[in-house]
Amino acid sequence: MPFGPEEFQAKTGVSRETLARLKAYADLLTDWNARHNLVSKNSLPDLWERHMWDSAQLAPLVPPEARTLADLGSGAGFPGLVLAAMLPGVAVTLFESTAKKCAFLQAAADRMGLSVTIENARMEDSPRRAFDVVTARACAPLPLLLEYAHSFVGPNSVCLFLKGQNVGSELTEAAKCWKMDVSQVPSQTGPSGAIVTVRELGPRHVHPPKTPNPGRRQSKRRRR
């Protein structure tokens, strides 16, 4: 059974106004994608389920008190633009390093009547600042993604990441370098995917071994 705007609205409960904005976004994406390949052409027939609903499932996990959101590696605007449409009280900043994608993001935001901030910069080169929520989808493996996100979190920030079937191994690897309060729930759009929620993110510092006493051989230590 095809999954289109009506099915999306039934799943998410968005208003007619929000759905109209998302339809305008979908139309513009289809038009631009023929020339710029913003998303896989094969995924366009499943746009409303694979991209729109996949992004929208983060909205209920955004804390009601959140006022700012950073979307890392926004690409064609998933999940950042979808969340901006669904959460009008949240100031959304989209980080994207590719100029043509930033041009699309601005055109889409204008078409949707949304006020968002678009940062055409590499995340690692951006100045540190704290957002209430940090999101990402298909951006980077979790250990690297947490490195990016660390520049944009404060003590009470929450990270919401859409991850695929390798989420277990990525979490294991990430835990070697990062301290965090982490939880996950299954994705509603794919049986192998998950939404990873991260709070209290901080690096695991590796302390250098103490200087050995004179005449004493230093024992070997393993890095954590």
N, C-alpha and C. Protein backbone atom coordinates (compact mmCIF):
# COMPACT_ATOMS: atom_id res chain seq x y z
N MET A 1 0.84 -1.19 0.00
CA MET A 1 0.00 0.00 0.00
C MET A 1 0.89 1.25 0.00
N PRO A 2 0.68 2.20 -0.92
CA PRO A 2 1.52 3.38 -0.99
C PRO A 2 1.41 4.22 0.29
N PHE A 3 2.53 4.84 0.67
CA PHE A 3 2.57 5.69 1.85
C PHE A 3 2.78 7.12 1.36
N GLY A 4 1.74 7.94 1.44
CA GLY A 4 1.81 9.30 0.95
C GLY A 4 1.48 10.31 2.02
N PRO A 5 1.15 11.55 1.63
CA PRO A 5 0.87 12.61 2.61
C PRO A 5 -0.25 12.27 3.60
N GLU A 6 -1.30 11.60 3.12
CA GLU A 6 -2.42 11.27 4.01
C GLU A 6 -1.98 10.26 5.07
N GLU A 7 -1.21 9.27 4.65
CA GLU A 7 -0.71 8.27 5.60
C GLU A 7 0.25 8.94 6.60
N PHE A 8 1.07 9.86 6.11
CA PHE A 8 1.98 10.60 6.98
C PHE A 8 1.19 11.37 8.03
N GLN A 9 0.12 12.04 7.60
CA GLN A 9 -0.68 12.82 8.53
C GLN A 9 -1.34 11.92 9.57
N ALA A 10 -1.80 10.75 9.14
CA ALA A 10 -2.42 9.81 10.07
C ALA A 10 -1.43 9.32 11.12
N LYS A 11 -0.18 9.11 10.72
CA LYS A 11 0.84 8.62 11.64
C LYS A 11 1.30 9.71 12.63
N THR A 12 1.38 10.96 12.15
CA THR A 12 2.00 12.02 12.94
C THR A 12 1.00 12.97 13.58
N GLY A 13 -0.20 13.07 13.01
CA GLY A 13 -1.19 14.00 13.54
C GLY A 13 -0.89 15.46 13.27
N VAL A 14 -0.08 15.75 12.23
CA VAL A 14 0.25 17.15 11.93
C VAL A 14 -0.99 17.88 11.42
N SER A 15 -0.97 19.20 11.56
CA SER A 15 -2.08 20.03 11.10
C SER A 15 -2.08 20.10 9.57
N ARG A 16 -3.19 20.58 9.02
CA ARG A 16 -3.27 20.75 7.56
C ARG A 16 -2.25 21.77 7.08
N GLU A 17 -2.00 22.80 7.89
CA GLU A 17 -1.02 23.82 7.51
C GLU A 17 0.39 23.23 7.44
N THR A 18 0.73 22.41 8.44
CA THR A 18 2.05 21.77 8.44
C THR A 18 2.17 20.80 7.28
N LEU A 19 1.12 20.04 7.01
CA LEU A 19 1.15 19.10 5.90
C LEU A 19 1.33 19.85 4.58
N ALA A 20 0.67 20.99 4.43
CA ALA A 20 0.82 21.78 3.20
C ALA A 20 2.26 22.24 3.02
N ARG A 21 2.90 22.62 4.12
CA ARG A 21 4.31 23.03 4.05
C ARG A 21 5.20 21.86 3.62
N LEU A 22 4.92 20.70 4.17
CA LEU A 22 5.73 19.53 3.83
C LEU A 22 5.48 19.07 2.39
N LYS A 23 4.26 19.24 1.90
CA LYS A 23 3.98 18.93 0.49
C LYS A 23 4.77 19.86 -0.42
N ALA A 24 4.82 21.15 -0.07
CA ALA A 24 5.60 22.11 -0.87
C ALA A 24 7.07 21.72 -0.88
N TYR A 25 7.57 21.28 0.27
CA TYR A 25 8.95 20.81 0.41
C TYR A 25 9.18 19.59 -0.49
N ALA A 26 8.26 18.63 -0.45
CA ALA A 26 8.40 17.42 -1.27
C ALA A 26 8.40 17.75 -2.75
N ASP A 27 7.54 18.66 -3.18
CA ASP A 27 7.49 19.05 -4.59
C ASP A 27 8.80 19.70 -5.03
N LEU A 28 9.33 20.59 -4.18
CA LEU A 28 10.58 21.27 -4.53
C LEU A 28 11.75 20.29 -4.57
N LEU A 29 11.77 19.37 -3.63
CA LEU A 29 12.84 18.36 -3.59
C LEU A 29 12.81 17.51 -4.85
N THR A 30 11.64 17.08 -5.27
CA THR A 30 11.52 16.28 -6.49
C THR A 30 12.03 17.05 -7.70
N ASP A 31 11.70 18.33 -7.75
CA ASP A 31 12.14 19.17 -8.87
C ASP A 31 13.66 19.35 -8.87
N TRP A 32 14.22 19.73 -7.73
CA TRP A 32 15.67 19.96 -7.64
C TRP A 32 16.46 18.67 -7.80
N ASN A 33 15.90 17.57 -7.33
CA ASN A 33 16.66 16.32 -7.33
C ASN A 33 16.96 15.83 -8.75
N ALA A 34 16.14 16.21 -9.70
CA ALA A 34 16.39 15.82 -11.09
C ALA A 34 17.70 16.42 -11.60
N ARG A 35 18.11 17.55 -11.02
CA ARG A 35 19.33 18.22 -11.48
C ARG A 35 20.50 18.10 -10.52
N HIS A 36 20.20 17.94 -9.24
CA HIS A 36 21.27 18.04 -8.24
C HIS A 36 21.50 16.76 -7.42
N ASN A 37 20.67 15.76 -7.57
CA ASN A 37 20.86 14.49 -6.87
C ASN A 37 21.05 14.69 -5.36
N LEU A 38 20.07 15.33 -4.73
CA LEU A 38 20.14 15.61 -3.30
C LEU A 38 19.88 14.37 -2.46
N VAL A 39 19.00 13.50 -2.93
CA VAL A 39 18.76 12.21 -2.30
C VAL A 39 18.78 11.15 -3.40
N SER A 40 18.89 9.90 -3.00
CA SER A 40 18.89 8.82 -3.98
C SER A 40 17.59 8.85 -4.79
N LYS A 41 17.75 8.80 -6.12
CA LYS A 41 16.55 8.79 -6.98
C LYS A 41 15.64 7.61 -6.66
N ASN A 42 16.24 6.49 -6.27
CA ASN A 42 15.45 5.30 -5.97
C ASN A 42 14.57 5.49 -4.73
N SER A 43 14.93 6.47 -3.88
CA SER A 43 14.16 6.66 -2.65
C SER A 43 12.98 7.62 -2.84
N LEU A 44 12.93 8.32 -3.97
CA LEU A 44 11.86 9.31 -4.16
C LEU A 44 10.44 8.71 -4.16
N PRO A 45 10.22 7.53 -4.76
CA PRO A 45 8.87 6.96 -4.68
C PRO A 45 8.42 6.70 -3.24
N ASP A 46 9.38 6.52 -2.32
CA ASP A 46 9.06 6.28 -0.90
C ASP A 46 9.36 7.52 -0.05
N LEU A 47 9.33 8.70 -0.66
CA LEU A 47 9.74 9.92 0.02
C LEU A 47 9.02 10.14 1.34
N TRP A 48 7.70 9.94 1.35
CA TRP A 48 6.93 10.26 2.55
C TRP A 48 7.18 9.31 3.70
N GLU A 49 7.50 8.07 3.41
CA GLU A 49 7.82 7.14 4.49
C GLU A 49 9.30 7.14 4.81
N ARG A 50 10.12 7.01 3.78
CA ARG A 50 11.56 6.81 3.98
C ARG A 50 12.26 8.06 4.49
N HIS A 51 11.79 9.23 4.09
CA HIS A 51 12.45 10.48 4.49
C HIS A 51 11.60 11.31 5.43
N MET A 52 10.34 11.58 5.06
CA MET A 52 9.49 12.46 5.86
C MET A 52 9.14 11.84 7.21
N TRP A 53 8.55 10.65 7.20
CA TRP A 53 8.15 10.03 8.46
C TRP A 53 9.36 9.61 9.28
N ASP A 54 10.40 9.15 8.60
CA ASP A 54 11.62 8.79 9.32
C ASP A 54 12.13 9.97 10.13
N SER A 55 12.07 11.17 9.53
CA SER A 55 12.50 12.38 10.24
C SER A 55 11.50 12.78 11.31
N ALA A 56 10.21 12.70 10.98
CA ALA A 56 9.16 13.18 11.87
C ALA A 56 9.08 12.40 13.18
N GLN A 57 9.54 11.16 13.18
CA GLN A 57 9.44 10.36 14.41
C GLN A 57 10.32 10.90 15.54
N LEU A 58 11.22 11.85 15.22
CA LEU A 58 12.02 12.47 16.27
C LEU A 58 11.23 13.53 17.04
N ALA A 59 10.21 14.11 16.40
CA ALA A 59 9.50 15.25 17.01
C ALA A 59 8.96 14.95 18.41
N PRO A 60 8.32 13.80 18.65
CA PRO A 60 7.80 13.54 20.00
C PRO A 60 8.90 13.39 21.05
N LEU A 61 10.14 13.16 20.62
CA LEU A 61 11.25 12.97 21.56
C LEU A 61 11.94 14.28 21.91
N VAL A 62 11.59 15.36 21.22
CA VAL A 62 12.16 16.67 21.54
C VAL A 62 11.50 17.17 22.83
N PRO A 63 12.29 17.50 23.86
CA PRO A 63 11.69 17.95 25.13
C PRO A 63 10.80 19.18 24.92
N PRO A 64 9.65 19.24 25.59
CA PRO A 64 8.73 20.36 25.37
C PRO A 64 9.33 21.71 25.72
N GLU A 65 10.35 21.73 26.58
CA GLU A 65 10.96 23.01 26.95
C GLU A 65 12.06 23.45 25.99
N ALA A 66 12.39 22.62 24.99
CA ALA A 66 13.48 22.94 24.05
C ALA A 66 13.12 24.17 23.23
N ARG A 67 14.10 25.05 23.03
CA ARG A 67 13.90 26.26 22.24
C ARG A 67 14.87 26.36 21.07
N THR A 68 15.95 25.59 21.08
CA THR A 68 16.93 25.63 19.99
C THR A 68 17.31 24.23 19.56
N LEU A 69 17.55 24.05 18.27
CA LEU A 69 17.89 22.74 17.72
C LEU A 69 18.94 22.90 16.64
N ALA A 70 19.98 22.09 16.69
CA ALA A 70 21.01 22.04 15.65
C ALA A 70 20.90 20.72 14.91
N ASP A 71 20.77 20.80 13.58
CA ASP A 71 20.73 19.60 12.75
C ASP A 71 22.06 19.49 12.02
N LEU A 72 22.80 18.43 12.28
CA LEU A 72 24.16 18.28 11.76
C LEU A 72 24.16 17.52 10.44
N GLY A 73 24.86 18.06 9.45
CA GLY A 73 24.92 17.42 8.14
C GLY A 73 23.56 17.32 7.51
N SER A 74 22.86 18.45 7.38
CA SER A 74 21.44 18.44 7.01
C SER A 74 21.17 17.89 5.63
N GLY A 75 22.11 18.00 4.69
CA GLY A 75 21.89 17.45 3.36
C GLY A 75 20.70 18.08 2.67
N ALA A 76 19.69 17.27 2.38
CA ALA A 76 18.47 17.77 1.73
C ALA A 76 17.43 18.24 2.74
N GLY A 77 17.81 18.27 4.03
CA GLY A 77 16.90 18.81 5.05
C GLY A 77 16.27 17.80 5.98
N PHE A 78 16.77 16.57 5.97
CA PHE A 78 16.23 15.54 6.85
C PHE A 78 17.21 15.26 7.99
N PRO A 79 16.77 15.36 9.24
CA PRO A 79 15.41 15.66 9.68
C PRO A 79 15.13 17.14 9.93
N GLY A 80 16.12 18.03 9.74
CA GLY A 80 16.02 19.41 10.20
C GLY A 80 14.82 20.19 9.71
N LEU A 81 14.56 20.17 8.40
CA LEU A 81 13.44 20.94 7.86
C LEU A 81 12.09 20.36 8.28
N VAL A 82 12.01 19.06 8.35
CA VAL A 82 10.77 18.42 8.80
C VAL A 82 10.46 18.82 10.24
N LEU A 83 11.48 18.81 11.09
CA LEU A 83 11.28 19.19 12.49
C LEU A 83 10.96 20.68 12.61
N ALA A 84 11.58 21.50 11.77
CA ALA A 84 11.29 22.94 11.79
C ALA A 84 9.82 23.20 11.46
N ALA A 85 9.27 22.41 10.54
CA ALA A 85 7.86 22.55 10.18
C ALA A 85 6.94 22.06 11.30
N MET A 86 7.36 21.02 11.99
CA MET A 86 6.51 20.42 13.02
C MET A 86 6.64 21.09 14.38
N LEU A 87 7.74 21.81 14.61
CA LEU A 87 8.00 22.41 15.93
C LEU A 87 8.22 23.91 15.77
N PRO A 88 7.16 24.66 15.53
CA PRO A 88 7.31 26.09 15.22
C PRO A 88 7.90 26.91 16.36
N GLY A 89 7.86 26.41 17.59
CA GLY A 89 8.42 27.15 18.71
C GLY A 89 9.91 26.94 18.91
N VAL A 90 10.54 26.14 18.05
CA VAL A 90 11.96 25.81 18.18
C VAL A 90 12.75 26.50 17.07
N ALA A 91 13.80 27.21 17.44
CA ALA A 91 14.69 27.85 16.47
C ALA A 91 15.67 26.81 15.94
N VAL A 92 15.59 26.51 14.65
CA VAL A 92 16.38 25.42 14.05
C VAL A 92 17.55 25.99 13.25
N THR A 93 18.73 25.43 13.48
CA THR A 93 19.92 25.77 12.72
C THR A 93 20.37 24.54 11.95
N LEU A 94 20.54 24.67 10.64
CA LEU A 94 20.94 23.56 9.78
C LEU A 94 22.41 23.73 9.41
N PHE A 95 23.22 22.72 9.71
CA PHE A 95 24.64 22.75 9.38
C PHE A 95 24.88 21.88 8.15
N GLU A 96 25.41 22.48 7.09
CA GLU A 96 25.67 21.75 5.84
C GLU A 96 26.87 22.39 5.15
N SER A 97 27.85 21.56 4.77
CA SER A 97 29.09 22.09 4.21
C SER A 97 29.05 22.26 2.69
N THR A 98 28.08 21.65 2.01
CA THR A 98 28.01 21.72 0.55
C THR A 98 27.13 22.89 0.12
N ALA A 99 27.69 23.78 -0.68
CA ALA A 99 26.99 25.02 -1.03
C ALA A 99 25.68 24.76 -1.78
N LYS A 100 25.67 23.81 -2.72
CA LYS A 100 24.44 23.58 -3.50
C LYS A 100 23.33 23.04 -2.61
N LYS A 101 23.68 22.28 -1.59
CA LYS A 101 22.66 21.79 -0.67
C LYS A 101 22.15 22.93 0.21
N CYS A 102 23.04 23.84 0.57
CA CYS A 102 22.60 25.00 1.34
C CYS A 102 21.64 25.85 0.51
N ALA A 103 21.92 25.98 -0.78
CA ALA A 103 21.03 26.73 -1.66
C ALA A 103 19.65 26.08 -1.69
N PHE A 104 19.62 24.76 -1.76
CA PHE A 104 18.33 24.07 -1.73
C PHE A 104 17.63 24.27 -0.39
N LEU A 105 18.37 24.14 0.71
CA LEU A 105 17.76 24.31 2.03
C LEU A 105 17.11 25.69 2.17
N GLN A 106 17.78 26.72 1.66
CA GLN A 106 17.21 28.06 1.74
C GLN A 106 15.97 28.18 0.86
N ALA A 107 16.04 27.61 -0.35
CA ALA A 107 14.88 27.65 -1.25
C ALA A 107 13.70 26.90 -0.64
N ALA A 108 13.99 25.76 -0.01
CA ALA A 108 12.91 24.97 0.60
C ALA A 108 12.31 25.70 1.79
N ALA A 109 13.15 26.30 2.63
CA ALA A 109 12.65 27.04 3.78
C ALA A 109 11.78 28.21 3.33
N ASP A 110 12.21 28.90 2.27
CA ASP A 110 11.41 30.00 1.73
C ASP A 110 10.06 29.51 1.21
N ARG A 111 10.09 28.40 0.47
CA ARG A 111 8.85 27.84 -0.09
C ARG A 111 7.90 27.40 1.04
N MET A 112 8.46 26.92 2.13
CA MET A 112 7.64 26.44 3.25
C MET A 112 7.22 27.56 4.19
N GLY A 113 7.79 28.74 4.01
CA GLY A 113 7.48 29.85 4.90
C GLY A 113 8.08 29.68 6.29
N LEU A 114 9.27 29.06 6.35
CA LEU A 114 9.94 28.80 7.62
C LEU A 114 11.13 29.75 7.78
N SER A 115 11.38 30.14 9.02
CA SER A 115 12.56 30.92 9.35
C SER A 115 13.56 30.00 10.04
N VAL A 116 14.59 29.59 9.30
CA VAL A 116 15.64 28.75 9.87
C VAL A 116 16.99 29.41 9.59
N THR A 117 18.00 29.01 10.35
CA THR A 117 19.36 29.49 10.12
C THR A 117 20.14 28.39 9.41
N ILE A 118 20.81 28.76 8.32
CA ILE A 118 21.58 27.78 7.55
C ILE A 118 23.05 28.14 7.64
N GLU A 119 23.85 27.23 8.16
CA GLU A 119 25.29 27.43 8.32
C GLU A 119 26.02 26.64 7.23
N ASN A 120 26.57 27.35 6.25
CA ASN A 120 27.35 26.71 5.19
C ASN A 120 28.79 26.59 5.67
N ALA A 121 29.04 25.57 6.49
CA ALA A 121 30.35 25.40 7.11
C ALA A 121 30.52 23.96 7.55
N ARG A 122 31.77 23.56 7.67
CA ARG A 122 32.06 22.25 8.25
C ARG A 122 31.79 22.32 9.75
N MET A 123 31.19 21.29 10.28
CA MET A 123 30.82 21.30 11.69
C MET A 123 32.03 21.48 12.59
N GLU A 124 33.15 20.84 12.22
CA GLU A 124 34.34 20.91 13.05
C GLU A 124 34.99 22.28 13.03
N ASP A 125 34.63 23.12 12.05
CA ASP A 125 35.17 24.48 11.98
C ASP A 125 34.25 25.52 12.60
N SER A 126 33.07 25.12 13.01
CA SER A 126 32.10 26.05 13.57
C SER A 126 32.43 26.36 15.03
N PRO A 127 32.16 27.58 15.47
CA PRO A 127 32.43 27.92 16.88
C PRO A 127 31.55 27.11 17.82
N ARG A 128 32.10 26.81 18.99
CA ARG A 128 31.34 26.05 19.99
C ARG A 128 30.17 26.89 20.49
N ARG A 129 29.02 26.27 20.61
CA ARG A 129 27.85 26.89 21.22
C ARG A 129 26.87 25.79 21.59
N ALA A 130 26.04 26.04 22.56
CA ALA A 130 25.14 25.00 23.06
C ALA A 130 23.73 25.16 22.50
N PHE A 131 23.16 24.05 22.07
CA PHE A 131 21.76 23.96 21.64
C PHE A 131 21.02 23.03 22.59
N ASP A 132 19.72 23.23 22.69
CA ASP A 132 18.93 22.34 23.55
C ASP A 132 18.86 20.92 22.97
N VAL A 133 18.78 20.82 21.64
CA VAL A 133 18.66 19.54 20.96
C VAL A 133 19.64 19.50 19.79
N VAL A 134 20.28 18.36 19.59
CA VAL A 134 21.16 18.14 18.44
C VAL A 134 20.65 16.90 17.71
N THR A 135 20.41 17.02 16.40
CA THR A 135 19.90 15.89 15.62
C THR A 135 20.85 15.58 14.46
N ALA A 136 20.74 14.37 13.96
CA ALA A 136 21.50 13.98 12.77
C ALA A 136 20.90 12.71 12.19
N ARG A 137 21.02 12.59 10.86
CA ARG A 137 20.52 11.41 10.15
C ARG A 137 21.50 11.13 9.01
N ALA A 138 22.02 9.93 8.95
CA ALA A 138 22.94 9.53 7.87
C ALA A 138 24.09 10.52 7.74
N CYS A 139 24.62 10.94 8.88
CA CYS A 139 25.67 11.96 8.87
C CYS A 139 27.06 11.35 8.99
N ALA A 140 27.27 10.48 9.98
CA ALA A 140 28.59 9.90 10.23
C ALA A 140 28.43 8.75 11.21
N PRO A 141 29.42 7.83 11.26
CA PRO A 141 29.39 6.80 12.30
C PRO A 141 29.36 7.45 13.68
N LEU A 142 28.75 6.79 14.65
CA LEU A 142 28.48 7.39 15.94
C LEU A 142 29.72 7.95 16.65
N PRO A 143 30.88 7.26 16.67
CA PRO A 143 32.02 7.86 17.36
C PRO A 143 32.40 9.23 16.79
N LEU A 144 32.39 9.39 15.47
CA LEU A 144 32.70 10.67 14.85
C LEU A 144 31.55 11.66 15.04
N LEU A 145 30.32 11.18 14.95
CA LEU A 145 29.16 12.04 15.13
C LEU A 145 29.15 12.67 16.52
N LEU A 146 29.53 11.91 17.53
CA LEU A 146 29.58 12.45 18.89
C LEU A 146 30.67 13.51 19.01
N GLU A 147 31.75 13.34 18.27
CA GLU A 147 32.80 14.37 18.26
C GLU A 147 32.26 15.67 17.69
N TYR A 148 31.50 15.58 16.60
CA TYR A 148 30.86 16.77 16.05
C TYR A 148 29.88 17.37 17.05
N ALA A 149 29.03 16.51 17.61
CA ALA A 149 27.95 16.98 18.47
C ALA A 149 28.48 17.63 19.74
N HIS A 150 29.64 17.20 20.20
CA HIS A 150 30.17 17.71 21.47
C HIS A 150 30.37 19.22 21.44
N SER A 151 30.58 19.78 20.25
CA SER A 151 30.76 21.23 20.13
C SER A 151 29.45 22.00 20.30
N PHE A 152 28.33 21.28 20.29
CA PHE A 152 27.03 21.96 20.28
C PHE A 152 26.13 21.57 21.44
N VAL A 153 26.69 20.90 22.45
CA VAL A 153 25.88 20.48 23.59
C VAL A 153 26.28 21.22 24.85
N GLY A 154 25.30 21.41 25.73
CA GLY A 154 25.53 21.93 27.07
C GLY A 154 25.13 20.87 28.08
N PRO A 155 25.14 21.22 29.36
CA PRO A 155 24.85 20.22 30.41
C PRO A 155 23.48 19.56 30.28
N ASN A 156 22.50 20.28 29.73
CA ASN A 156 21.14 19.74 29.67
C ASN A 156 20.69 19.41 28.25
N SER A 157 21.61 19.39 27.31
CA SER A 157 21.26 19.11 25.91
C SER A 157 20.93 17.64 25.72
N VAL A 158 20.12 17.37 24.70
CA VAL A 158 19.82 15.99 24.31
C VAL A 158 20.13 15.83 22.83
N CYS A 159 20.77 14.72 22.49
CA CYS A 159 21.07 14.38 21.10
C CYS A 159 20.11 13.29 20.63
N LEU A 160 19.56 13.46 19.44
CA LEU A 160 18.65 12.48 18.85
C LEU A 160 19.20 12.09 17.49
N PHE A 161 19.66 10.85 17.37
CA PHE A 161 20.31 10.40 16.15
C PHE A 161 19.56 9.22 15.55
N LEU A 162 19.27 9.31 14.26
CA LEU A 162 18.68 8.21 13.52
C LEU A 162 19.81 7.33 12.99
N LYS A 163 19.84 6.08 13.43
CA LYS A 163 20.93 5.18 13.05
C LYS A 163 20.37 3.91 12.41
N GLY A 164 21.24 3.23 11.65
CA GLY A 164 20.85 2.03 10.92
C GLY A 164 21.22 0.75 11.64
N GLN A 165 21.43 -0.30 10.87
CA GLN A 165 21.59 -1.64 11.44
C GLN A 165 22.89 -1.82 12.21
N ASN A 166 23.87 -0.92 12.02
CA ASN A 166 25.14 -1.05 12.72
C ASN A 166 25.16 -0.32 14.06
N VAL A 167 24.00 0.04 14.57
CA VAL A 167 23.94 0.87 15.77
C VAL A 167 24.63 0.20 16.96
N GLY A 168 24.50 -1.11 17.09
CA GLY A 168 25.11 -1.80 18.23
C GLY A 168 26.61 -1.69 18.24
N SER A 169 27.25 -1.98 17.12
CA SER A 169 28.71 -1.90 17.05
C SER A 169 29.19 -0.46 17.16
N GLU A 170 28.41 0.50 16.62
CA GLU A 170 28.80 1.91 16.73
C GLU A 170 28.74 2.38 18.18
N LEU A 171 27.73 1.93 18.93
CA LEU A 171 27.65 2.30 20.34
C LEU A 171 28.81 1.71 21.13
N THR A 172 29.17 0.47 20.84
CA THR A 172 30.29 -0.16 21.53
C THR A 172 31.58 0.61 21.28
N GLU A 173 31.80 1.01 20.04
CA GLU A 173 33.01 1.75 19.68
C GLU A 173 32.99 3.14 20.30
N ALA A 174 31.83 3.78 20.28
CA ALA A 174 31.72 5.14 20.82
C ALA A 174 31.99 5.18 22.32
N ALA A 175 31.57 4.12 23.02
CA ALA A 175 31.73 4.09 24.48
C ALA A 175 33.20 4.06 24.90
N LYS A 176 34.09 3.72 23.99
CA LYS A 176 35.52 3.71 24.30
C LYS A 176 36.06 5.13 24.46
N CYS A 177 35.42 6.09 23.79
CA CYS A 177 35.92 7.46 23.78
C CYS A 177 35.01 8.45 24.49
N TRP A 178 33.74 8.07 24.68
CA TRP A 178 32.77 9.03 25.18
C TRP A 178 31.99 8.50 26.38
N LYS A 179 31.84 9.36 27.37
CA LYS A 179 30.93 9.09 28.48
C LYS A 179 29.57 9.67 28.10
N MET A 180 28.51 8.94 28.38
CA MET A 180 27.18 9.43 27.99
C MET A 180 26.10 8.60 28.66
N ASP A 181 24.96 9.24 28.80
CA ASP A 181 23.74 8.54 29.21
C ASP A 181 22.98 8.26 27.92
N VAL A 182 22.93 7.00 27.53
CA VAL A 182 22.41 6.65 26.20
C VAL A 182 21.25 5.68 26.31
N SER A 183 20.28 5.86 25.43
CA SER A 183 19.16 4.92 25.31
C SER A 183 18.78 4.84 23.84
N GLN A 184 18.02 3.84 23.49
CA GLN A 184 17.58 3.73 22.10
C GLN A 184 16.21 3.07 22.03
N VAL A 185 15.48 3.44 20.99
CA VAL A 185 14.18 2.83 20.71
C VAL A 185 14.18 2.42 19.24
N PRO A 186 13.43 1.38 18.88
CA PRO A 186 13.39 0.96 17.48
C PRO A 186 12.81 2.04 16.58
N SER A 187 13.34 2.13 15.37
CA SER A 187 12.78 3.04 14.38
C SER A 187 11.40 2.53 13.96
N GLN A 188 10.49 3.46 13.69
CA GLN A 188 9.16 3.09 13.21
C GLN A 188 9.14 2.84 11.70
N THR A 189 10.22 3.20 11.03
CA THR A 189 10.22 3.09 9.56
C THR A 189 11.10 1.97 9.03
N GLY A 190 11.85 1.31 9.90
CA GLY A 190 12.70 0.22 9.45
C GLY A 190 13.04 -0.70 10.59
N PRO A 191 12.87 -2.02 10.44
CA PRO A 191 13.07 -2.94 11.55
C PRO A 191 14.50 -2.98 12.08
N SER A 192 15.48 -2.61 11.24
CA SER A 192 16.88 -2.68 11.69
C SER A 192 17.39 -1.34 12.20
N GLY A 193 16.61 -0.29 12.08
CA GLY A 193 17.06 1.03 12.50
C GLY A 193 16.68 1.34 13.94
N ALA A 194 17.26 2.42 14.47
CA ALA A 194 16.99 2.83 15.84
C ALA A 194 17.16 4.33 15.98
N ILE A 195 16.49 4.88 16.98
CA ILE A 195 16.71 6.26 17.39
C ILE A 195 17.54 6.21 18.66
N VAL A 196 18.72 6.82 18.60
CA VAL A 196 19.63 6.84 19.74
C VAL A 196 19.51 8.20 20.43
N THR A 197 19.23 8.17 21.73
CA THR A 197 19.15 9.38 22.54
C THR A 197 20.37 9.45 23.45
N VAL A 198 21.07 10.57 23.39
CA VAL A 198 22.30 10.75 24.17
C VAL A 198 22.16 12.00 25.04
N ARG A 199 22.44 11.85 26.32
CA ARG A 199 22.52 12.97 27.26
C ARG A 199 23.85 12.91 28.00
N GLU A 200 24.21 14.02 28.61
CA GLU A 200 25.42 14.10 29.46
C GLU A 200 26.65 13.61 28.70
N LEU A 201 26.82 14.12 27.49
CA LEU A 201 27.94 13.70 26.64
C LEU A 201 29.24 14.36 27.08
N GLY A 202 30.28 13.56 27.21
CA GLY A 202 31.61 14.09 27.55
C GLY A 202 32.68 13.10 27.14
N PRO A 203 33.90 13.61 26.85
CA PRO A 203 34.98 12.70 26.43
C PRO A 203 35.53 11.90 27.61
N ARG A 204 36.03 10.73 27.30
CA ARG A 204 36.77 9.94 28.28
C ARG A 204 38.23 10.35 28.17
N HIS A 205 38.73 11.10 29.13
CA HIS A 205 40.11 11.58 29.07
C HIS A 205 41.07 10.44 29.41
N VAL A 206 42.13 10.34 28.63
CA VAL A 206 43.17 9.35 28.90
C VAL A 206 44.27 10.05 29.67
N HIS A 207 44.45 9.66 30.93
CA HIS A 207 45.47 10.30 31.76
C HIS A 207 46.82 9.68 31.51
N PRO A 208 47.86 10.49 31.34
CA PRO A 208 49.20 9.92 31.13
C PRO A 208 49.68 9.23 32.39
N PRO A 209 50.49 8.20 32.24
CA PRO A 209 50.99 7.49 33.43
C PRO A 209 51.86 8.40 34.27
N LYS A 210 51.86 8.18 35.57
CA LYS A 210 52.70 8.96 36.47
C LYS A 210 54.17 8.66 36.20
N THR A 211 55.00 9.66 36.48
CA THR A 211 56.44 9.46 36.31
C THR A 211 56.92 8.42 37.30
N PRO A 212 57.61 7.39 36.84
CA PRO A 212 58.04 6.32 37.76
C PRO A 212 59.10 6.81 38.73
N ASN A 213 59.20 6.16 39.87
CA ASN A 213 60.25 6.48 40.84
C ASN A 213 61.60 6.17 40.26
N PRO A 214 62.64 6.93 40.63
CA PRO A 214 63.98 6.66 40.11
C PRO A 214 64.41 5.24 40.42
N GLY A 215 65.01 4.62 39.44
CA GLY A 215 65.52 3.27 39.64
C GLY A 215 64.46 2.20 39.54
N ARG A 216 63.20 2.62 39.29
CA ARG A 216 62.11 1.66 39.18
C ARG A 216 61.65 1.56 37.75
N ARG A 217 61.45 0.38 37.29
CA ARG A 217 61.01 0.19 35.91
C ARG A 217 59.52 0.52 35.81
N GLN A 218 59.17 1.30 34.75
CA GLN A 218 57.78 1.69 34.57
C GLN A 218 56.98 0.52 34.00
N SER A 219 55.85 0.28 34.60
CA SER A 219 54.99 -0.79 34.08
C SER A 219 54.26 -0.30 32.84
N LYS A 220 53.95 -1.22 31.97
CA LYS A 220 53.23 -0.88 30.74
C LYS A 220 51.76 -0.67 31.07
N ARG A 221 51.18 0.36 30.44
CA ARG A 221 49.75 0.61 30.64
C ARG A 221 49.05 0.60 29.31
N ARG A 222 47.85 0.11 29.33
CA ARG A 222 47.08 0.05 28.10
C ARG A 222 46.18 1.27 28.03
N ARG A 223 46.08 1.77 26.84
CA ARG A 223 45.13 2.87 26.62
C ARG A 223 43.71 2.34 26.72
N ARG A 224 42.87 3.17 27.30
CA ARG A 224 41.46 2.79 27.33
C ARG A 224 40.82 3.11 26.02
